[in-house]
């Protein structure tokens, strides 16, 4: 995976098994569109929340087909302008 270093740093910085588990789950559910930005963006959103809120955010992402609706997707921007 092309993001191993990024996630290894985040887990190492946190030194917390709950955060490590949340990040592992996030990798499983994010709809990989072939780029690292979507993973980094969702990771930063996840880590900005309290650990108690991680499960809720992960469920939210999963319920929205692996992508937080707030994620800036170019296909939505182009479609909305037509």
PDB file of N, CA and C in Angstrom:
ATOM      1  N   UNK A   1       0.847  -1.180   0.000  1.00  0.00           N
ATOM      2  CA  UNK A   1       0.000   0.000   0.000  1.00  0.00           C
ATOM      3  C   UNK A   1       0.890   1.240   0.000  1.00  0.00           C
ATOM      4  N   UNK A   2       0.537   2.221  -0.777  1.00  0.00           N
ATOM      5  CA  UNK A   2       1.345   3.413  -0.953  1.00  0.00           C
ATOM      6  C   UNK A   2       1.265   4.380   0.225  1.00  0.00           C
ATOM      7  N   UNK A   3       0.482   4.073   1.254  1.00  0.00           N
ATOM      8  CA  UNK A   3       0.356   4.955   2.407  1.00  0.00           C
ATOM      9  C   UNK A   3       0.892   4.339   3.694  1.00  0.00           C
ATOM     10  N   UNK A   4       1.634   3.274   3.598  1.00  0.00           N
ATOM     11  CA  UNK A   4       2.139   2.586   4.794  1.00  0.00           C
ATOM     12  C   UNK A   4       2.934   3.531   5.688  1.00  0.00           C
ATOM     13  N   UNK A   5       3.818   4.305   5.118  1.00  0.00           N
ATOM     14  CA  UNK A   5       4.631   5.235   5.897  1.00  0.00           C
ATOM     15  C   UNK A   5       3.787   6.274   6.617  1.00  0.00           C
ATOM     16  N   UNK A   6       2.790   6.810   5.916  1.00  0.00           N
ATOM     17  CA  UNK A   6       1.906   7.815   6.506  1.00  0.00           C
ATOM     18  C   UNK A   6       1.189   7.234   7.722  1.00  0.00           C
ATOM     19  N   UNK A   7       0.580   6.060   7.555  1.00  0.00           N
ATOM     20  CA  UNK A   7      -0.164   5.463   8.660  1.00  0.00           C
ATOM     21  C   UNK A   7       0.764   4.995   9.777  1.00  0.00           C
ATOM     22  N   UNK A   8       1.952   4.524   9.443  1.00  0.00           N
ATOM     23  CA  UNK A   8       2.913   4.113  10.471  1.00  0.00           C
ATOM     24  C   UNK A   8       3.291   5.310  11.339  1.00  0.00           C
ATOM     25  N   UNK A   9       3.484   6.473  10.720  1.00  0.00           N
ATOM     26  CA  UNK A   9       3.798   7.684  11.494  1.00  0.00           C
ATOM     27  C   UNK A   9       2.645   8.084  12.399  1.00  0.00           C
ATOM     28  N   UNK A  10       1.425   8.022  11.880  1.00  0.00           N
ATOM     29  CA  UNK A  10       0.259   8.405  12.684  1.00  0.00           C
ATOM     30  C   UNK A  10       0.088   7.479  13.881  1.00  0.00           C
ATOM     31  N   UNK A  11       0.250   6.189  13.670  1.00  0.00           N
ATOM     32  CA  UNK A  11       0.124   5.221  14.766  1.00  0.00           C
ATOM     33  C   UNK A  11       1.249   5.439  15.772  1.00  0.00           C
ATOM     34  N   UNK A  12       2.459   5.661  15.283  1.00  0.00           N
ATOM     35  CA  UNK A  12       3.603   5.872  16.164  1.00  0.00           C
ATOM     36  C   UNK A  12       3.435   7.147  16.987  1.00  0.00           C
ATOM     37  N   UNK A  13       2.932   8.200  16.368  1.00  0.00           N
ATOM     38  CA  UNK A  13       2.715   9.460  17.074  1.00  0.00           C
ATOM     39  C   UNK A  13       1.654   9.306  18.158  1.00  0.00           C
ATOM     40  N   UNK A  14       0.613   8.572  17.866  1.00  0.00           N
ATOM     41  CA  UNK A  14      -0.505   8.435  18.800  1.00  0.00           C
ATOM     42  C   UNK A  14      -0.163   7.500  19.961  1.00  0.00           C
ATOM     43  N   UNK A  15       0.590   6.447  19.667  1.00  0.00           N
ATOM     44  CA  UNK A  15       0.928   5.447  20.687  1.00  0.00           C
ATOM     45  C   UNK A  15      -0.327   4.983  21.435  1.00  0.00           C
ATOM     46  N   UNK A  16      -1.366   4.718  20.663  1.00  0.00           N
ATOM     47  CA  UNK A  16      -2.658   4.369  21.254  1.00  0.00           C
ATOM     48  C   UNK A  16      -3.324   3.285  20.419  1.00  0.00           C
ATOM     49  N   UNK A  17      -3.628   2.133  21.013  1.00  0.00           N
ATOM     50  CA  UNK A  17      -4.242   1.051  20.240  1.00  0.00           C
ATOM     51  C   UNK A  17      -5.639   1.378  19.705  1.00  0.00           C
ATOM     52  N   UNK A  18      -6.353   2.267  20.367  1.00  0.00           N
ATOM     53  CA  UNK A  18      -7.683   2.659  19.879  1.00  0.00           C
ATOM     54  C   UNK A  18      -7.539   3.419  18.558  1.00  0.00           C
ATOM     55  N   UNK A  19      -6.601   4.336  18.515  1.00  0.00           N
ATOM     56  CA  UNK A  19      -6.368   5.102  17.286  1.00  0.00           C
ATOM     57  C   UNK A  19      -5.853   4.179  16.185  1.00  0.00           C
ATOM     58  N   UNK A  20      -4.973   3.263  16.536  1.00  0.00           N
ATOM     59  CA  UNK A  20      -4.464   2.307  15.539  1.00  0.00           C
ATOM     60  C   UNK A  20      -5.618   1.498  14.952  1.00  0.00           C
ATOM     61  N   UNK A  21      -6.535   1.053  15.793  1.00  0.00           N
ATOM     62  CA  UNK A  21      -7.692   0.298  15.316  1.00  0.00           C
ATOM     63  C   UNK A  21      -8.606   1.147  14.449  1.00  0.00           C
ATOM     64  N   UNK A  22      -8.794   2.398  14.835  1.00  0.00           N
ATOM     65  CA  UNK A  22      -9.629   3.303  14.035  1.00  0.00           C
ATOM     66  C   UNK A  22      -9.030   3.525  12.651  1.00  0.00           C
ATOM     67  N   UNK A  23      -7.714   3.701  12.602  1.00  0.00           N
ATOM     68  CA  UNK A  23      -7.051   3.911  11.308  1.00  0.00           C
ATOM     69  C   UNK A  23      -7.123   2.660  10.442  1.00  0.00           C
ATOM     70  N   UNK A  24      -6.972   1.500  11.062  1.00  0.00           N
ATOM     71  CA  UNK A  24      -7.073   0.247  10.297  1.00  0.00           C
ATOM     72  C   UNK A  24      -8.470   0.101   9.708  1.00  0.00           C
ATOM     73  N   UNK A  25      -9.475   0.423  10.491  1.00  0.00           N
ATOM     74  CA  UNK A  25     -10.862   0.340  10.006  1.00  0.00           C
ATOM     75  C   UNK A  25     -11.097   1.359   8.895  1.00  0.00           C
ATOM     76  N   UNK A  26     -10.557   2.557   9.045  1.00  0.00           N
ATOM     77  CA  UNK A  26     -10.722   3.589   8.029  1.00  0.00           C
ATOM     78  C   UNK A  26     -10.166   3.130   6.692  1.00  0.00           C
ATOM     79  N   UNK A  27      -8.996   2.501   6.709  1.00  0.00           N
ATOM     80  CA  UNK A  27      -8.378   2.005   5.476  1.00  0.00           C
ATOM     81  C   UNK A  27      -9.293   0.990   4.800  1.00  0.00           C
ATOM     82  N   UNK A  28      -9.973   0.183   5.583  1.00  0.00           N
ATOM     83  CA  UNK A  28     -10.876  -0.830   5.028  1.00  0.00           C
ATOM     84  C   UNK A  28     -12.100  -0.218   4.362  1.00  0.00           C
ATOM     85  N   UNK A  29     -12.616   0.870   4.921  1.00  0.00           N
ATOM     86  CA  UNK A  29     -13.913   1.368   4.439  1.00  0.00           C
ATOM     87  C   UNK A  29     -13.838   2.515   3.439  1.00  0.00           C
ATOM     88  N   UNK A  30     -12.724   3.258   3.410  1.00  0.00           N
ATOM     89  CA  UNK A  30     -12.642   4.382   2.464  1.00  0.00           C
ATOM     90  C   UNK A  30     -12.675   3.846   1.045  1.00  0.00           C
ATOM     91  N   UNK A  31     -13.474   4.483   0.222  1.00  0.00           N
ATOM     92  CA  UNK A  31     -13.605   4.121  -1.177  1.00  0.00           C
ATOM     93  C   UNK A  31     -12.362   4.622  -1.917  1.00  0.00           C
ATOM     94  N   UNK A  32     -11.419   3.714  -2.119  1.00  0.00           N
ATOM     95  CA  UNK A  32     -10.138   4.060  -2.749  1.00  0.00           C
ATOM     96  C   UNK A  32     -10.370   4.424  -4.202  1.00  0.00           C
ATOM     97  N   UNK A  33     -10.177   5.692  -4.507  1.00  0.00           N
ATOM     98  CA  UNK A  33     -10.362   6.183  -5.866  1.00  0.00           C
ATOM     99  C   UNK A  33      -9.024   6.295  -6.589  1.00  0.00           C
ATOM    100  N   UNK A  34      -7.993   5.636  -6.051  1.00  0.00           N
ATOM    101  CA  UNK A  34      -6.713   5.606  -6.730  1.00  0.00           C
ATOM    102  C   UNK A  34      -5.753   6.702  -6.343  1.00  0.00           C
ATOM    103  N   UNK A  35      -6.007   7.377  -5.253  1.00  0.00           N
ATOM    104  CA  UNK A  35      -5.089   8.424  -4.822  1.00  0.00           C
ATOM    105  C   UNK A  35      -4.958   8.454  -3.316  1.00  0.00           C
ATOM    106  N   UNK A  36      -3.900   9.078  -2.840  1.00  0.00           N
ATOM    107  CA  UNK A  36      -3.683   9.100  -1.402  1.00  0.00           C
ATOM    108  C   UNK A  36      -4.440  10.227  -0.705  1.00  0.00           C
ATOM    109  N   UNK A  37      -4.842  11.240  -1.426  1.00  0.00           N
ATOM    110  CA  UNK A  37      -5.496  12.391  -0.804  1.00  0.00           C
ATOM    111  C   UNK A  37      -6.752  11.993  -0.040  1.00  0.00           C
ATOM    112  N   UNK A  38      -7.558  11.117  -0.596  1.00  0.00           N
ATOM    113  CA  UNK A  38      -8.802  10.731   0.070  1.00  0.00           C
ATOM    114  C   UNK A  38      -8.513  10.065   1.415  1.00  0.00           C
ATOM    115  N   UNK A  39      -7.442   9.282   1.506  1.00  0.00           N
ATOM    116  CA  UNK A  39      -7.077   8.641   2.769  1.00  0.00           C
ATOM    117  C   UNK A  39      -6.551   9.669   3.771  1.00  0.00           C
ATOM    118  N   UNK A  40      -5.693  10.559   3.312  1.00  0.00           N
ATOM    119  CA  UNK A  40      -5.132  11.566   4.203  1.00  0.00           C
ATOM    120  C   UNK A  40      -6.231  12.485   4.718  1.00  0.00           C
ATOM    121  N   UNK A  41      -7.128  12.918   3.844  1.00  0.00           N
ATOM    122  CA  UNK A  41      -8.211  13.819   4.240  1.00  0.00           C
ATOM    123  C   UNK A  41      -9.102  13.155   5.285  1.00  0.00           C
ATOM    124  N   UNK A  42      -9.513  11.909   5.034  1.00  0.00           N
ATOM    125  CA  UNK A  42     -10.369  11.208   5.996  1.00  0.00           C
ATOM    126  C   UNK A  42      -9.630  10.927   7.306  1.00  0.00           C
ATOM    127  N   UNK A  43      -8.344  10.638   7.220  1.00  0.00           N
ATOM    128  CA  UNK A  43      -7.557  10.413   8.438  1.00  0.00           C
ATOM    129  C   UNK A  43      -7.521  11.665   9.293  1.00  0.00           C
ATOM    130  N   UNK A  44      -7.288  12.799   8.672  1.00  0.00           N
ATOM    131  CA  UNK A  44      -7.232  14.047   9.432  1.00  0.00           C
ATOM    132  C   UNK A  44      -8.596  14.373  10.045  1.00  0.00           C
ATOM    133  N   UNK A  45      -9.657  14.097   9.319  1.00  0.00           N
ATOM    134  CA  UNK A  45     -11.009  14.305   9.879  1.00  0.00           C
ATOM    135  C   UNK A  45     -11.254  13.378  11.066  1.00  0.00           C
ATOM    136  N   UNK A  46     -10.850  12.125  10.928  1.00  0.00           N
ATOM    137  CA  UNK A  46     -11.011  11.155  12.013  1.00  0.00           C
ATOM    138  C   UNK A  46     -10.220  11.583  13.239  1.00  0.00           C
ATOM    139  N   UNK A  47      -8.959  11.937  13.049  1.00  0.00           N
ATOM    140  CA  UNK A  47      -8.101  12.290  14.168  1.00  0.00           C
ATOM    141  C   UNK A  47      -8.464  13.622  14.812  1.00  0.00           C
ATOM    142  N   UNK A  48      -9.247  14.430  14.143  1.00  0.00           N
ATOM    143  CA  UNK A  48      -9.692  15.697  14.737  1.00  0.00           C
ATOM    144  C   UNK A  48     -10.829  15.480  15.741  1.00  0.00           C
ATOM    145  N   UNK A  49     -11.358  14.265  15.779  1.00  0.00           N
ATOM    146  CA  UNK A  49     -12.436  13.922  16.697  1.00  0.00           C
ATOM    147  C   UNK A  49     -11.885  13.242  17.950  1.00  0.00           C
ATOM    148  N   UNK A  50     -12.677  13.274  18.999  1.00  0.00           N
ATOM    149  CA  UNK A  50     -12.326  12.543  20.207  1.00  0.00           C
ATOM    150  C   UNK A  50     -12.374  11.049  19.901  1.00  0.00           C
ATOM    151  N   UNK A  51     -11.561  10.270  20.610  1.00  0.00           N
ATOM    152  CA  UNK A  51     -11.538   8.820  20.374  1.00  0.00           C
ATOM    153  C   UNK A  51     -12.918   8.203  20.540  1.00  0.00           C
ATOM    154  N   UNK A  52     -13.710   8.720  21.454  1.00  0.00           N
ATOM    155  CA  UNK A  52     -15.052   8.188  21.681  1.00  0.00           C
ATOM    156  C   UNK A  52     -15.964   8.389  20.469  1.00  0.00           C
ATOM    157  N   UNK A  53     -15.607   9.330  19.606  1.00  0.00           N
ATOM    158  CA  UNK A  53     -16.419   9.626  18.417  1.00  0.00           C
ATOM    159  C   UNK A  53     -15.922   8.929  17.158  1.00  0.00           C
ATOM    160  N   UNK A  54     -14.814   8.195  17.255  1.00  0.00           N
ATOM    161  CA  UNK A  54     -14.252   7.531  16.078  1.00  0.00           C
ATOM    162  C   UNK A  54     -15.226   6.522  15.479  1.00  0.00           C
ATOM    163  N   UNK A  55     -15.830   5.687  16.297  1.00  0.00           N
ATOM    164  CA  UNK A  55     -16.731   4.655  15.772  1.00  0.00           C
ATOM    165  C   UNK A  55     -17.898   5.283  15.018  1.00  0.00           C
ATOM    166  N   UNK A  56     -18.434   6.365  15.543  1.00  0.00           N
ATOM    167  CA  UNK A  56     -19.537   7.046  14.868  1.00  0.00           C
ATOM    168  C   UNK A  56     -19.122   7.618  13.530  1.00  0.00           C
ATOM    169  N   UNK A  57     -17.927   8.211  13.481  1.00  0.00           N
ATOM    170  CA  UNK A  57     -17.443   8.769  12.212  1.00  0.00           C
ATOM    171  C   UNK A  57     -17.183   7.665  11.202  1.00  0.00           C
ATOM    172  N   UNK A  58     -16.600   6.574  11.650  1.00  0.00           N
ATOM    173  CA  UNK A  58     -16.338   5.449  10.740  1.00  0.00           C
ATOM    174  C   UNK A  58     -17.639   4.881  10.189  1.00  0.00           C
ATOM    175  N   UNK A  59     -18.661   4.785  11.027  1.00  0.00           N
ATOM    176  CA  UNK A  59     -19.974   4.319  10.552  1.00  0.00           C
ATOM    177  C   UNK A  59     -20.545   5.295   9.531  1.00  0.00           C
ATOM    178  N   UNK A  60     -20.387   6.582   9.809  1.00  0.00           N
ATOM    179  CA  UNK A  60     -20.872   7.624   8.904  1.00  0.00           C
ATOM    180  C   UNK A  60     -20.217   7.493   7.532  1.00  0.00           C
ATOM    181  N   UNK A  61     -18.900   7.311   7.518  1.00  0.00           N
ATOM    182  CA  UNK A  61     -18.173   7.155   6.249  1.00  0.00           C
ATOM    183  C   UNK A  61     -18.642   5.894   5.532  1.00  0.00           C
ATOM    184  N   UNK A  62     -18.775   4.812   6.269  1.00  0.00           N
ATOM    185  CA  UNK A  62     -19.197   3.556   5.655  1.00  0.00           C
ATOM    186  C   UNK A  62     -20.601   3.668   5.081  1.00  0.00           C
ATOM    187  N   UNK A  63     -21.501   4.320   5.795  1.00  0.00           N
ATOM    188  CA  UNK A  63     -22.880   4.492   5.322  1.00  0.00           C
ATOM    189  C   UNK A  63     -22.955   5.365   4.069  1.00  0.00           C
ATOM    190  N   UNK A  64     -21.944   6.172   3.855  1.00  0.00           N
ATOM    191  CA  UNK A  64     -21.899   7.050   2.681  1.00  0.00           C
ATOM    192  C   UNK A  64     -20.969   6.496   1.609  1.00  0.00           C
ATOM    193  N   UNK A  65     -20.981   5.184   1.469  1.00  0.00           N
ATOM    194  CA  UNK A  65     -20.214   4.489   0.426  1.00  0.00           C
ATOM    195  C   UNK A  65     -18.716   4.758   0.479  1.00  0.00           C
ATOM    196  N   UNK A  66     -18.193   4.869   1.698  1.00  0.00           N
ATOM    197  CA  UNK A  66     -16.756   5.002   1.863  1.00  0.00           C
ATOM    198  C   UNK A  66     -16.199   6.386   1.655  1.00  0.00           C
ATOM    199  N   UNK A  67     -17.058   7.397   1.742  1.00  0.00           N
ATOM    200  CA  UNK A  67     -16.581   8.763   1.535  1.00  0.00           C
ATOM    201  C   UNK A  67     -17.447   9.744   2.317  1.00  0.00           C
ATOM    202  N   UNK A  68     -16.810  10.529   3.181  1.00  0.00           N
ATOM    203  CA  UNK A  68     -17.501  11.594   3.902  1.00  0.00           C
ATOM    204  C   UNK A  68     -18.071  12.552   2.854  1.00  0.00           C
ATOM    205  N   UNK A  69     -19.345  12.899   2.944  1.00  0.00           N
ATOM    206  CA  UNK A  69     -19.923  13.817   1.952  1.00  0.00           C
ATOM    207  C   UNK A  69     -19.220  15.171   1.881  1.00  0.00           C
ATOM    208  N   UNK A  70     -18.473  15.522   2.907  1.00  0.00           N
ATOM    209  CA  UNK A  70     -17.737  16.778   2.896  1.00  0.00           C
ATOM    210  C   UNK A  70     -16.439  16.730   2.121  1.00  0.00           C
ATOM    211  N   UNK A  71     -16.058  15.532   1.682  1.00  0.00           N
ATOM    212  CA  UNK A  71     -14.807  15.390   0.931  1.00  0.00           C
ATOM    213  C   UNK A  71     -14.927  16.111  -0.410  1.00  0.00           C
ATOM    214  N   UNK A  72     -13.952  16.961  -0.746  1.00  0.00           N
ATOM    215  CA  UNK A  72     -14.029  17.726  -2.004  1.00  0.00           C
ATOM    216  C   UNK A  72     -13.754  16.844  -3.217  1.00  0.00           C
ATOM    217  N   UNK A  73     -14.816  16.394  -3.837  1.00  0.00           N
ATOM    218  CA  UNK A  73     -14.677  15.497  -4.998  1.00  0.00           C
ATOM    219  C   UNK A  73     -14.892  16.288  -6.280  1.00  0.00           C
ATOM    220  N   UNK A  74     -13.919  16.219  -7.155  1.00  0.00           N
ATOM    221  CA  UNK A  74     -13.958  16.973  -8.410  1.00  0.00           C
ATOM    222  C   UNK A  74     -15.129  16.549  -9.294  1.00  0.00           C
ATOM    223  N   UNK A  75     -15.505  15.264  -9.261  1.00  0.00           N
ATOM    224  CA  UNK A  75     -16.611  14.835 -10.111  1.00  0.00           C
ATOM    225  C   UNK A  75     -17.921  15.473  -9.672  1.00  0.00           C
ATOM    226  N   UNK A  76     -18.087  15.732  -8.401  1.00  0.00           N
ATOM    227  CA  UNK A  76     -19.291  16.405  -7.926  1.00  0.00           C
ATOM    228  C   UNK A  76     -19.283  17.879  -8.297  1.00  0.00           C
ATOM    229  N   UNK A  77     -18.116  18.502  -8.215  1.00  0.00           N
ATOM    230  CA  UNK A  77     -18.004  19.923  -8.548  1.00  0.00           C
ATOM    231  C   UNK A  77     -18.325  20.150 -10.013  1.00  0.00           C
ATOM    232  N   UNK A  78     -17.768  19.324 -10.893  1.00  0.00           N
ATOM    233  CA  UNK A  78     -18.025  19.461 -12.322  1.00  0.00           C
ATOM    234  C   UNK A  78     -19.480  19.181 -12.636  1.00  0.00           C
ATOM    235  N   UNK A  79     -20.042  18.146 -12.037  1.00  0.00           N
ATOM    236  CA  UNK A  79     -21.427  17.774 -12.297  1.00  0.00           C
ATOM    237  C   UNK A  79     -22.385  18.881 -11.880  1.00  0.00           C
ATOM    238  N   UNK A  80     -22.132  19.506 -10.726  1.00  0.00           N
ATOM    239  CA  UNK A  80     -23.016  20.539 -10.219  1.00  0.00           C
ATOM    240  C   UNK A  80     -23.007  21.778 -11.096  1.00  0.00           C
ATOM    241  N   UNK A  81     -21.943  22.023 -11.831  1.00  0.00           N
ATOM    242  CA  UNK A  81     -21.858  23.209 -12.676  1.00  0.00           C
ATOM    243  C   UNK A  81     -22.568  23.026 -14.005  1.00  0.00           C
ATOM    244  N   UNK A  82     -22.777  21.795 -14.424  1.00  0.00           N
ATOM    245  CA  UNK A  82     -23.436  21.560 -15.723  1.00  0.00           C
ATOM    246  C   UNK A  82     -24.909  21.861 -15.687  1.00  0.00           C
TER     247      UNK A  82
END
